PDB file of N, CA and C in Angstrom:
ATOM      1  N   MET A   1     283.810 -70.739 126.944  1.00  0.00           N
ATOM      2  CA  MET A   1     282.875 -70.534 125.879  1.00  0.00           C
ATOM      3  C   MET A   1     283.109 -69.163 125.279  1.00  0.00           C
ATOM      4  N   SER A   2     282.718 -68.701 124.043  1.00  0.00           N
ATOM      5  CA  SER A   2     283.139 -67.649 123.338  1.00  0.00           C
ATOM      6  C   SER A   2     282.296 -66.367 124.047  1.00  0.00           C
ATOM      7  N   SER A   3     283.064 -65.405 123.896  1.00  0.00           N
ATOM      8  CA  SER A   3     282.282 -64.321 124.405  1.00  0.00           C
ATOM      9  C   SER A   3     280.942 -63.785 123.599  1.00  0.00           C
ATOM     10  N   GLN A   4     281.204 -63.973 122.165  1.00  0.00           N
ATOM     11  CA  GLN A   4     279.996 -63.600 121.404  1.00  0.00           C
ATOM     12  C   GLN A   4     278.814 -64.600 121.905  1.00  0.00           C
ATOM     13  N   LEU A   5     279.128 -65.730 122.074  1.00  0.00           N
ATOM     14  CA  LEU A   5     278.096 -66.589 122.177  1.00  0.00           C
ATOM     15  C   LEU A   5     277.348 -66.426 123.711  1.00  0.00           C
ATOM     16  N   VAL A   6     278.130 -66.071 124.406  1.00  0.00           N
ATOM     17  CA  VAL A   6     277.715 -65.510 125.755  1.00  0.00           C
ATOM     18  C   VAL A   6     276.662 -64.585 125.499  1.00  0.00           C
ATOM     19  N   MET A   7     277.194 -63.409 125.192  1.00  0.00           N
ATOM     20  CA  MET A   7     276.479 -62.286 124.740  1.00  0.00           C
ATOM     21  C   MET A   7     275.217 -62.294 124.319  1.00  0.00           C
ATOM     22  N   ASN A   8     275.293 -63.471 123.246  1.00  0.00           N
ATOM     23  CA  ASN A   8     274.072 -63.548 122.430  1.00  0.00           C
ATOM     24  C   ASN A   8     273.029 -64.149 123.533  1.00  0.00           C
ATOM     25  N   ASN A   9     273.441 -65.279 124.180  1.00  0.00           N
ATOM     26  CA  ASN A   9     272.208 -65.664 125.321  1.00  0.00           C
ATOM     27  C   ASN A   9     272.122 -64.786 126.327  1.00  0.00           C
ATOM     28  N   TYR A  10     272.899 -63.732 126.759  1.00  0.00           N
ATOM     29  CA  TYR A  10     272.500 -62.824 127.673  1.00  0.00           C
ATOM     30  C   TYR A  10     271.433 -62.033 127.172  1.00  0.00           C
ATOM     31  N   ASN A  11     271.686 -61.708 125.677  1.00  0.00           N
ATOM     32  CA  ASN A  11     270.762 -60.689 125.061  1.00  0.00           C
ATOM     33  C   ASN A  11     269.302 -61.216 124.976  1.00  0.00           C
ATOM     34  N   GLU A  12     269.198 -62.602 124.913  1.00  0.00           N
ATOM     35  CA  GLU A  12     267.974 -63.189 124.744  1.00  0.00           C
ATOM     36  C   GLU A  12     267.417 -63.379 126.029  1.00  0.00           C
ATOM     37  N   LYS A  13     268.045 -63.701 127.025  1.00  0.00           N
ATOM     38  CA  LYS A  13     267.534 -63.760 128.265  1.00  0.00           C
ATOM     39  C   LYS A  13     266.926 -62.412 128.898  1.00  0.00           C
ATOM     40  N   SER A  14     267.773 -61.176 128.441  1.00  0.00           N
ATOM     41  CA  SER A  14     267.635 -59.795 129.031  1.00  0.00           C
ATOM     42  C   SER A  14     266.182 -59.556 128.211  1.00  0.00           C
ATOM     43  N   LYS A  15     265.901 -59.995 127.100  1.00  0.00           N
ATOM     44  CA  LYS A  15     264.751 -59.782 126.405  1.00  0.00           C
ATOM     45  C   LYS A  15     263.517 -60.199 127.352  1.00  0.00           C
ATOM     46  N   ASN A  16     263.680 -61.531 127.847  1.00  0.00           N
ATOM     47  CA  ASN A  16     262.531 -61.989 128.697  1.00  0.00           C
ATOM     48  C   ASN A  16     262.555 -61.320 129.839  1.00  0.00           C
ATOM     49  N   THR A  17     263.489 -60.677 130.346  1.00  0.00           N
ATOM     50  CA  THR A  17     263.391 -59.992 131.811  1.00  0.00           C
ATOM     51  C   THR A  17     262.602 -58.769 131.563  1.00  0.00           C
ATOM     52  N   CYS A  18     262.811 -58.246 130.439  1.00  0.00           N
ATOM     53  CA  CYS A  18     262.283 -56.945 130.287  1.00  0.00           C
ATOM     54  C   CYS A  18     260.814 -57.121 129.818  1.00  0.00           C
ATOM     55  N   THR A  19     260.279 -58.026 129.156  1.00  0.00           N
ATOM     56  CA  THR A  19     258.933 -58.406 129.076  1.00  0.00           C
ATOM     57  C   THR A  19     258.378 -58.718 130.320  1.00  0.00           C
ATOM     58  N   TRP A  20     258.927 -59.398 131.306  1.00  0.00           N
ATOM     59  CA  TRP A  20     258.471 -59.681 132.459  1.00  0.00           C
ATOM     60  C   TRP A  20     258.386 -58.526 133.436  1.00  0.00           C
ATOM     61  N   VAL A  21     259.164 -57.585 133.301  1.00  0.00           N
ATOM     62  CA  VAL A  21     259.166 -56.423 134.215  1.00  0.00           C
ATOM     63  C   VAL A  21     258.231 -55.385 133.501  1.00  0.00           C
ATOM     64  N   SER A  22     257.655 -55.472 132.088  1.00  0.00           N
ATOM     65  CA  SER A  22     256.669 -54.413 131.924  1.00  0.00           C
ATOM     66  C   SER A  22     255.275 -55.131 132.250  1.00  0.00           C
ATOM     67  N   ILE A  23     255.191 -56.599 132.266  1.00  0.00           N
ATOM     68  CA  ILE A  23     253.881 -57.198 132.834  1.00  0.00           C
ATOM     69  C   ILE A  23     253.936 -56.932 134.140  1.00  0.00           C
ATOM     70  N   THR A  24     254.848 -57.020 135.014  1.00  0.00           N
ATOM     71  CA  THR A  24     254.738 -56.544 136.506  1.00  0.00           C
ATOM     72  C   THR A  24     254.559 -55.042 136.571  1.00  0.00           C
ATOM     73  N   LEU A  25     255.112 -54.265 135.810  1.00  0.00           N
ATOM     74  CA  LEU A  25     254.631 -53.011 136.239  1.00  0.00           C
ATOM     75  C   LEU A  25     253.172 -52.695 135.758  1.00  0.00           C
ATOM     76  N   VAL A  26     252.666 -53.237 134.735  1.00  0.00           N
ATOM     77  CA  VAL A  26     251.181 -53.074 134.445  1.00  0.00           C
ATOM     78  C   VAL A  26     250.544 -53.537 135.400  1.00  0.00           C
ATOM     79  N   LEU A  27     250.465 -54.778 135.847  1.00  0.00           N
ATOM     80  CA  LEU A  27     249.865 -55.252 136.919  1.00  0.00           C
ATOM     81  C   LEU A  27     249.890 -54.437 138.301  1.00  0.00           C
ATOM     82  N   THR A  28     251.071 -53.822 138.400  1.00  0.00           N
ATOM     83  CA  THR A  28     251.143 -53.144 139.614  1.00  0.00           C
ATOM     84  C   THR A  28     250.483 -51.803 139.602  1.00  0.00           C
ATOM     85  N   ILE A  29     250.394 -51.128 138.584  1.00  0.00           N
ATOM     86  CA  ILE A  29     249.621 -49.995 138.428  1.00  0.00           C
ATOM     87  C   ILE A  29     248.049 -50.426 138.382  1.00  0.00           C
ATOM     88  N   ALA A  30     247.792 -51.685 137.872  1.00  0.00           N
ATOM     89  CA  ALA A  30     246.238 -52.041 137.806  1.00  0.00           C
ATOM     90  C   ALA A  30     245.941 -52.309 139.419  1.00  0.00           C
ATOM     91  N   TYR A  31     246.962 -52.863 139.796  1.00  0.00           N
ATOM     92  CA  TYR A  31     246.350 -53.064 141.713  1.00  0.00           C
ATOM     93  C   TYR A  31     246.303 -51.942 142.355  1.00  0.00           C
ATOM     94  N   PHE A  32     247.100 -51.072 142.139  1.00  0.00           N
ATOM     95  CA  PHE A  32     246.813 -49.769 143.052  1.00  0.00           C
ATOM     96  C   PHE A  32     245.812 -48.886 142.313  1.00  0.00           C
ATOM     97  N   THR A  33     245.299 -48.885 141.271  1.00  0.00           N
ATOM     98  CA  THR A  33     244.024 -48.192 140.791  1.00  0.00           C
ATOM     99  C   THR A  33     242.837 -48.939 140.642  1.00  0.00           C
ATOM    100  N   ILE A  34     242.869 -49.989 140.891  1.00  0.00           N
ATOM    101  CA  ILE A  34     241.570 -50.596 141.051  1.00  0.00           C
ATOM    102  C   ILE A  34     240.675 -50.098 142.278  1.00  0.00           C
ATOM    103  N   PRO A  35     239.477 -49.963 142.448  1.00  0.00           N
ATOM    104  CA  PRO A  35     238.648 -49.407 143.416  1.00  0.00           C
ATOM    105  C   PRO A  35     238.935 -50.358 144.808  1.00  0.00           C
ATOM    106  N   TYR A  36     239.104 -49.904 145.779  1.00  0.00           N
ATOM    107  CA  TYR A  36     239.290 -50.671 146.982  1.00  0.00           C
ATOM    108  C   TYR A  36     238.166 -51.691 147.476  1.00  0.00           C
ATOM    109  N   LYS A  37     237.107 -51.295 146.959  1.00  0.00           N
ATOM    110  CA  LYS A  37     235.785 -52.222 147.087  1.00  0.00           C
ATOM    111  C   LYS A  37     235.619 -53.221 146.150  1.00  0.00           C
ATOM    112  N   THR A  38     236.589 -53.581 145.575  1.00  0.00           N
ATOM    113  CA  THR A  38     236.485 -54.790 144.563  1.00  0.00           C
ATOM    114  C   THR A  38     236.553 -55.981 145.257  1.00  0.00           C
ATOM    115  N   ASN A  39     236.114 -57.025 144.792  1.00  0.00           N
ATOM    116  CA  ASN A  39     236.090 -58.490 145.285  1.00  0.00           C
ATOM    117  C   ASN A  39     237.317 -58.810 146.005  1.00  0.00           C
ATOM    118  N   ALA A  40     237.301 -59.048 147.125  1.00  0.00           N
ATOM    119  CA  ALA A  40     238.515 -59.525 148.145  1.00  0.00           C
ATOM    120  C   ALA A  40     239.362 -60.478 147.429  1.00  0.00           C
ATOM    121  N   PHE A  41     238.704 -61.654 146.970  1.00  0.00           N
ATOM    122  CA  PHE A  41     239.044 -62.844 146.337  1.00  0.00           C
ATOM    123  C   PHE A  41     240.148 -62.355 145.015  1.00  0.00           C
ATOM    124  N   PHE A  42     239.548 -61.536 144.305  1.00  0.00           N
ATOM    125  CA  PHE A  42     240.186 -60.930 143.237  1.00  0.00           C
ATOM    126  C   PHE A  42     241.583 -60.042 143.356  1.00  0.00           C
ATOM    127  N   ARG A  43     241.462 -59.270 144.441  1.00  0.00           N
ATOM    128  CA  ARG A  43     242.380 -58.327 144.650  1.00  0.00           C
ATOM    129  C   ARG A  43     243.552 -59.345 145.416  1.00  0.00           C
ATOM    130  N   PHE A  44     243.147 -60.432 146.311  1.00  0.00           N
ATOM    131  CA  PHE A  44     244.231 -61.254 146.962  1.00  0.00           C
ATOM    132  C   PHE A  44     244.807 -62.099 145.785  1.00  0.00           C
ATOM    133  N   PHE A  45     244.175 -62.500 144.750  1.00  0.00           N
ATOM    134  CA  PHE A  45     244.485 -63.250 143.642  1.00  0.00           C
ATOM    135  C   PHE A  45     245.642 -62.251 142.581  1.00  0.00           C
ATOM    136  N   LEU A  46     245.188 -61.077 142.626  1.00  0.00           N
ATOM    137  CA  LEU A  46     246.333 -60.333 141.922  1.00  0.00           C
ATOM    138  C   LEU A  46     247.384 -59.802 142.449  1.00  0.00           C
ATOM    139  N   LYS A  47     247.244 -59.986 144.061  1.00  0.00           N
ATOM    140  CA  LYS A  47     248.418 -60.030 145.095  1.00  0.00           C
ATOM    141  C   LYS A  47     249.378 -60.877 144.534  1.00  0.00           C
ATOM    142  N   ILE A  48     249.120 -62.194 144.796  1.00  0.00           N
ATOM    143  CA  ILE A  48     249.827 -63.414 144.608  1.00  0.00           C
ATOM    144  C   ILE A  48     250.346 -63.295 143.239  1.00  0.00           C
ATOM    145  N   ALA A  49     249.572 -63.014 142.276  1.00  0.00           N
ATOM    146  CA  ALA A  49     250.043 -63.184 140.726  1.00  0.00           C
ATOM    147  C   ALA A  49     251.128 -62.110 140.460  1.00  0.00           C
ATOM    148  N   LEU A  50     251.097 -60.903 140.978  1.00  0.00           N
ATOM    149  CA  LEU A  50     251.954 -59.808 141.018  1.00  0.00           C
ATOM    150  C   LEU A  50     253.311 -60.229 141.564  1.00  0.00           C
ATOM    151  N   LEU A  51     253.264 -60.894 142.815  1.00  0.00           N
ATOM    152  CA  LEU A  51     254.250 -61.089 143.483  1.00  0.00           C
ATOM    153  C   LEU A  51     255.139 -62.344 143.029  1.00  0.00           C
ATOM    154  N   GLY A  52     254.201 -63.180 142.453  1.00  0.00           N
ATOM    155  CA  GLY A  52     254.850 -64.505 141.878  1.00  0.00           C
ATOM    156  C   GLY A  52     255.581 -64.017 140.398  1.00  0.00           C
ATOM    157  N   ILE A  53     255.084 -63.153 139.573  1.00  0.00           N
ATOM    158  CA  ILE A  53     255.695 -62.659 138.162  1.00  0.00           C
ATOM    159  C   ILE A  53     256.831 -61.719 138.862  1.00  0.00           C
ATOM    160  N   LEU A  54     256.804 -60.957 139.785  1.00  0.00           N
ATOM    161  CA  LEU A  54     257.957 -60.194 140.159  1.00  0.00           C
ATOM    162  C   LEU A  54     259.090 -61.088 140.430  1.00  0.00           C
ATOM    163  N   GLY A  55     258.607 -62.003 141.171  1.00  0.00           N
ATOM    164  CA  GLY A  55     259.829 -63.110 141.575  1.00  0.00           C
ATOM    165  C   GLY A  55     260.437 -63.774 140.439  1.00  0.00           C
ATOM    166  N   ALA A  56     259.329 -64.135 139.405  1.00  0.00           N
ATOM    167  CA  ALA A  56     259.844 -64.841 138.157  1.00  0.00           C
ATOM    168  C   ALA A  56     260.881 -63.633 137.232  1.00  0.00           C
ATOM    169  N   THR A  57     260.443 -62.619 137.525  1.00  0.00           N
ATOM    170  CA  THR A  57     261.486 -61.565 136.800  1.00  0.00           C
ATOM    171  C   THR A  57     262.808 -61.578 137.490  1.00  0.00           C
ATOM    172  N   ILE A  58     262.980 -61.616 138.733  1.00  0.00           N
ATOM    173  CA  ILE A  58     264.120 -61.544 139.650  1.00  0.00           C
ATOM    174  C   ILE A  58     264.737 -62.824 139.277  1.00  0.00           C
ATOM    175  N   TYR A  59     264.227 -63.769 139.112  1.00  0.00           N
ATOM    176  CA  TYR A  59     264.993 -65.117 138.726  1.00  0.00           C
ATOM    177  C   TYR A  59     265.488 -64.968 137.544  1.00  0.00           C
ATOM    178  N   TYR A  60     264.607 -64.590 136.432  1.00  0.00           N
ATOM    179  CA  TYR A  60     265.155 -64.402 135.059  1.00  0.00           C
ATOM    180  C   TYR A  60     266.320 -63.404 134.866  1.00  0.00           C
ATOM    181  N   GLN A  61     266.113 -62.426 135.746  1.00  0.00           N
ATOM    182  CA  GLN A  61     267.433 -61.240 135.988  1.00  0.00           C
ATOM    183  C   GLN A  61     268.805 -62.112 136.231  1.00  0.00           C
ATOM    184  N   PHE A  62     268.754 -62.874 137.449  1.00  0.00           N
ATOM    185  CA  PHE A  62     269.655 -63.518 137.901  1.00  0.00           C
ATOM    186  C   PHE A  62     270.272 -64.567 136.849  1.00  0.00           C
ATOM    187  N   GLN A  63     269.397 -65.143 136.250  1.00  0.00           N
ATOM    188  CA  GLN A  63     269.849 -66.185 135.407  1.00  0.00           C
ATOM    189  C   GLN A  63     270.629 -65.458 134.167  1.00  0.00           C
ATOM    190  N   SER A  64     270.206 -64.500 133.707  1.00  0.00           N
ATOM    191  CA  SER A  64     270.803 -63.732 132.384  1.00  0.00           C
ATOM    192  C   SER A  64     272.276 -63.114 132.833  1.00  0.00           C
ATOM    193  N   LEU A  65     272.058 -62.559 134.211  1.00  0.00           N
ATOM    194  CA  LEU A  65     273.558 -62.238 134.795  1.00  0.00           C
ATOM    195  C   LEU A  65     274.319 -63.609 134.853  1.00  0.00           C
ATOM    196  N   HIS A  66     274.136 -64.717 135.162  1.00  0.00           N
ATOM    197  CA  HIS A  66     274.805 -65.643 135.396  1.00  0.00           C
ATOM    198  C   HIS A  66     275.393 -65.903 133.960  1.00  0.00           C
ATOM    199  N   GLU A  67     274.868 -65.951 133.004  1.00  0.00           N
ATOM    200  CA  GLU A  67     275.567 -66.030 131.578  1.00  0.00           C
ATOM    201  C   GLU A  67     276.662 -65.342 131.552  1.00  0.00           C
ATOM    202  N   LEU A  68     276.818 -63.916 131.910  1.00  0.00           N
ATOM    203  CA  LEU A  68     277.972 -63.087 131.863  1.00  0.00           C
ATOM    204  C   LEU A  68     279.087 -63.631 132.490  1.00  0.00           C
ATOM    205  N   LEU A  69     278.598 -64.469 133.516  1.00  0.00           N
ATOM    206  CA  LEU A  69     280.020 -65.055 134.296  1.00  0.00           C
ATOM    207  C   LEU A  69     280.687 -66.185 133.758  1.00  0.00           C
ATOM    208  N   ASN A  70     280.314 -66.713 132.690  1.00  0.00           N
ATOM    209  CA  ASN A  70     280.864 -67.623 131.987  1.00  0.00           C
ATOM    210  C   ASN A  70     281.934 -67.281 131.010  1.00  0.00           C
ATOM    211  N   ILE A  71     282.142 -65.954 131.073  1.00  0.00           N
ATOM    212  CA  ILE A  71     283.108 -65.220 130.153  1.00  0.00           C
ATOM    213  C   ILE A  71     284.487 -65.372 131.051  1.00  0.00           C
ATOM    214  N   ASN A  72     285.571 -65.881 130.317  1.00  0.00           N
ATOM    215  CA  ASN A  72     286.742 -65.956 131.292  1.00  0.00           C
ATOM    216  C   ASN A  72     287.409 -64.683 131.379  1.00  0.00           C
ATOM    217  N   GLU A  73     287.992 -64.352 132.475  1.00  0.00           N
ATOM    218  CA  GLU A  73     288.793 -63.064 132.772  1.00  0.00           C
ATOM    219  C   GLU A  73     287.597 -61.697 132.711  1.00  0.00           C
ATOM    220  N   LEU A  74     286.627 -62.274 133.115  1.00  0.00           N
ATOM    221  CA  LEU A  74     285.613 -60.883 132.845  1.00  0.00           C
ATOM    222  C   LEU A  74     285.928 -59.740 133.655  1.00  0.00           C
ATOM    223  N   PHE A  75     286.503 -59.970 134.910  1.00  0.00           N
ATOM    224  CA  PHE A  75     286.931 -58.862 135.977  1.00  0.00           C
ATOM    225  C   PHE A  75     288.495 -58.520 135.664  1.00  0.00           C
ATOM    226  N   THR A  76     289.151 -59.166 135.040  1.00  0.00           N
ATOM    227  CA  THR A  76     290.818 -58.892 134.992  1.00  0.00           C
ATOM    228  C   THR A  76     291.103 -58.466 133.399  1.00  0.00           C
ATOM    229  N   ASN A  77     290.299 -58.943 132.428  1.00  0.00           N
ATOM    230  CA  ASN A  77     290.890 -58.590 131.228  1.00  0.00           C
ATOM    231  C   ASN A  77     290.090 -57.068 130.950  1.00  0.00           C
ATOM    232  N   GLU A  78     291.056 -56.364 130.294  1.00  0.00           N
ATOM    233  CA  GLU A  78     290.773 -54.985 129.789  1.00  0.00           C
ATOM    234  C   GLU A  78     289.783 -54.909 128.731  1.00  0.00           C
ATOM    235  N   GLN A  79     289.909 -55.877 127.745  1.00  0.00           N
ATOM    236  CA  GLN A  79     288.968 -56.162 126.711  1.00  0.00           C
ATOM    237  C   GLN A  79     287.401 -56.250 126.961  1.00  0.00           C
ATOM    238  N   ASN A  80     287.281 -56.734 128.337  1.00  0.00           N
ATOM    239  CA  ASN A  80     285.648 -57.125 128.632  1.00  0.00           C
ATOM    240  C   ASN A  80     285.183 -55.904 129.386  1.00  0.00           C
ATOM    241  N   THR A  81     285.817 -54.844 129.520  1.00  0.00           N
ATOM    242  CA  THR A  81     285.472 -53.587 130.085  1.00  0.00           C
ATOM    243  C   THR A  81     283.848 -53.227 130.107  1.00  0.00           C
ATOM    244  N   GLN A  82     283.468 -53.382 128.587  1.00  0.00           N
ATOM    245  CA  GLN A  82     281.974 -53.191 128.528  1.00  0.00           C
ATOM    246  C   GLN A  82     281.101 -54.239 128.854  1.00  0.00           C
ATOM    247  N   ILE A  83     281.580 -55.235 128.810  1.00  0.00           N
ATOM    248  CA  ILE A  83     280.929 -56.557 129.364  1.00  0.00           C
ATOM    249  C   ILE A  83     280.686 -56.474 130.931  1.00  0.00           C
ATOM    250  N   ARG A  84     282.033 -56.199 131.605  1.00  0.00           N
ATOM    251  CA  ARG A  84     281.867 -55.924 132.834  1.00  0.00           C
ATOM    252  C   ARG A  84     280.833 -54.811 133.337  1.00  0.00           C
ATOM    253  N   ASN A  85     281.117 -53.881 132.874  1.00  0.00           N
ATOM    254  CA  ASN A  85     280.076 -52.699 133.161  1.00  0.00           C
ATOM    255  C   ASN A  85     278.422 -53.355 133.012  1.00  0.00           C
ATOM    256  N   GLN A  86     278.331 -53.978 132.086  1.00  0.00           N
ATOM    257  CA  GLN A  86     276.695 -54.744 131.643  1.00  0.00           C
ATOM    258  C   GLN A  86     276.444 -55.442 132.981  1.00  0.00           C
ATOM    259  N   TYR A  87     277.365 -56.269 133.423  1.00  0.00           N
ATOM    260  CA  TYR A  87     277.219 -57.009 134.448  1.00  0.00           C
ATOM    261  C   TYR A  87     276.749 -56.407 135.701  1.00  0.00           C
ATOM    262  N   LEU A  88     277.716 -55.290 135.979  1.00  0.00           N
ATOM    263  CA  LEU A  88     277.402 -54.504 137.290  1.00  0.00           C
ATOM    264  C   LEU A  88     276.192 -53.688 137.176  1.00  0.00           C
ATOM    265  N   ILE A  89     275.962 -53.203 135.918  1.00  0.00           N
ATOM    266  CA  ILE A  89     274.599 -52.454 135.900  1.00  0.00           C
ATOM    267  C   ILE A  89     273.402 -53.560 135.992  1.00  0.00           C
ATOM    268  N   GLY A  90     273.566 -54.786 135.375  1.00  0.00           N
ATOM    269  CA  GLY A  90     272.499 -55.795 135.780  1.00  0.00           C
ATOM    270  C   GLY A  90     272.290 -56.203 137.205  1.00  0.00           C
ATOM    271  N   ALA A  91     273.361 -56.349 137.822  1.00  0.00           N
ATOM    272  CA  ALA A  91     273.498 -56.397 139.135  1.00  0.00           C
ATOM    273  C   ALA A  91     272.878 -55.332 140.084  1.00  0.00           C
ATOM    274  N   LEU A  92     272.960 -54.285 139.570  1.00  0.00           N
ATOM    275  CA  LEU A  92     272.403 -53.190 140.287  1.00  0.00           C
ATOM    276  C   LEU A  92     270.870 -53.293 140.080  1.00  0.00           C
ATOM    277  N   PHE A  93     270.478 -53.577 138.793  1.00  0.00           N
ATOM    278  CA  PHE A  93     269.048 -53.595 138.351  1.00  0.00           C
ATOM    279  C   PHE A  93     268.357 -54.858 139.184  1.00  0.00           C
ATOM    280  N   SER A  94     269.074 -56.028 139.473  1.00  0.00           N
ATOM    281  CA  SER A  94     268.581 -57.051 140.343  1.00  0.00           C
ATOM    282  C   SER A  94     268.308 -56.654 141.807  1.00  0.00           C
ATOM    283  N   VAL A  95     269.514 -55.566 142.277  1.00  0.00           N
ATOM    284  CA  VAL A  95     269.085 -55.183 143.769  1.00  0.00           C
ATOM    285  C   VAL A  95     267.748 -54.248 143.617  1.00  0.00           C
ATOM    286  N   ILE A  96     267.596 -53.337 142.462  1.00  0.00           N
ATOM    287  CA  ILE A  96     266.547 -52.616 142.548  1.00  0.00           C
ATOM    288  C   ILE A  96     265.311 -53.360 142.242  1.00  0.00           C
ATOM    289  N   LEU A  97     265.142 -54.371 141.454  1.00  0.00           N
ATOM    290  CA  LEU A  97     263.999 -55.234 141.432  1.00  0.00           C
ATOM    291  C   LEU A  97     263.801 -55.970 142.819  1.00  0.00           C
ATOM    292  N   ALA A  98     264.756 -56.717 143.632  1.00  0.00           N
ATOM    293  CA  ALA A  98     264.580 -57.067 144.880  1.00  0.00           C
ATOM    294  C   ALA A  98     263.850 -56.121 145.964  1.00  0.00           C
ATOM    295  N   SER A  99     264.407 -55.037 145.766  1.00  0.00           N
ATOM    296  CA  SER A  99     263.802 -53.624 146.695  1.00  0.00           C
ATOM    297  C   SER A  99     262.465 -53.351 146.455  1.00  0.00           C
ATOM    298  N   PHE A 100     262.158 -53.537 145.033  1.00  0.00           N
ATOM    299  CA  PHE A 100     260.861 -53.327 144.669  1.00  0.00           C
ATOM    300  C   PHE A 100     259.786 -54.501 145.148  1.00  0.00           C
ATOM    301  N   PHE A 101     260.347 -55.611 144.967  1.00  0.00           N
ATOM    302  CA  PHE A 101     259.696 -56.739 145.471  1.00  0.00           C
ATOM    303  C   PHE A 101     259.091 -56.553 147.010  1.00  0.00           C
ATOM    304  N   LEU A 102     260.269 -56.332 147.828  1.00  0.00           N
ATOM    305  CA  LEU A 102     260.085 -56.044 149.149  1.00  0.00           C
ATOM    306  C   LEU A 102     259.078 -54.799 149.558  1.00  0.00           C
ATOM    307  N   PHE A 103     259.251 -53.912 148.636  1.00  0.00           N
ATOM    308  CA  PHE A 103     258.141 -52.735 148.684  1.00  0.00           C
ATOM    309  C   PHE A 103     256.758 -53.174 148.312  1.00  0.00           C
ATOM    310  N   ILE A 104     256.716 -53.898 147.388  1.00  0.00           N
ATOM    311  CA  ILE A 104     255.445 -54.114 146.979  1.00  0.00           C
ATOM    312  C   ILE A 104     254.888 -54.921 148.117  1.00  0.00           C
ATOM    313  N   THR A 105     255.465 -56.153 148.614  1.00  0.00           N
ATOM    314  CA  THR A 105     254.948 -56.978 149.676  1.00  0.00           C
ATOM    315  C   THR A 105     254.580 -56.293 150.818  1.00  0.00           C
ATOM    316  N   LYS A 106     255.415 -55.188 151.285  1.00  0.00           N
ATOM    317  CA  LYS A 106     255.105 -54.457 152.372  1.00  0.00           C
ATOM    318  C   LYS A 106     253.842 -53.545 152.128  1.00  0.00           C
ATOM    319  N   GLU A 107     253.720 -52.967 150.981  1.00  0.00           N
ATOM    320  CA  GLU A 107     252.499 -52.320 150.632  1.00  0.00           C
ATOM    321  C   GLU A 107     251.198 -53.135 150.618  1.00  0.00           C
ATOM    322  N   MET A 108     251.361 -54.293 150.221  1.00  0.00           N
ATOM    323  CA  MET A 108     250.062 -54.965 149.996  1.00  0.00           C
ATOM    324  C   MET A 108     249.498 -55.870 151.113  1.00  0.00           C
ATOM    325  N   PHE A 109     250.765 -56.128 152.058  1.00  0.00           N
ATOM    326  CA  PHE A 109     250.034 -56.819 153.186  1.00  0.00           C
ATOM    327  C   PHE A 109     250.232 -56.395 154.513  1.00  0.00           C
ATOM    328  N   PHE A 110     251.020 -55.257 154.736  1.00  0.00           N
ATOM    329  CA  PHE A 110     250.968 -54.605 155.867  1.00  0.00           C
ATOM    330  C   PHE A 110     250.707 -53.233 155.988  1.00  0.00           C
TER     331      PHE A 110
END
């Protein structure tokens, strides 16, 4: 598969990831700023929605990273240095998102 086509697919999927991250951050801020005496059902629904959207964000991030793995000689060809760096930064971002998921789960349920 050509590098340009793969990069276009990666860029489109990265836009979705960015949108999901923004929604997740808004919901996280909303969850932690709403009064504690709010309806328990509403707070529980917000927890589940937040974790679900964050999980979907992690899934979309992994899907966009998978697009970059379709490039031949990604890690061995010197011409792919920029794409390789983009892959490594995306992988680091995935680890950060997964850590955030675990942190939010701990803060909400324990």
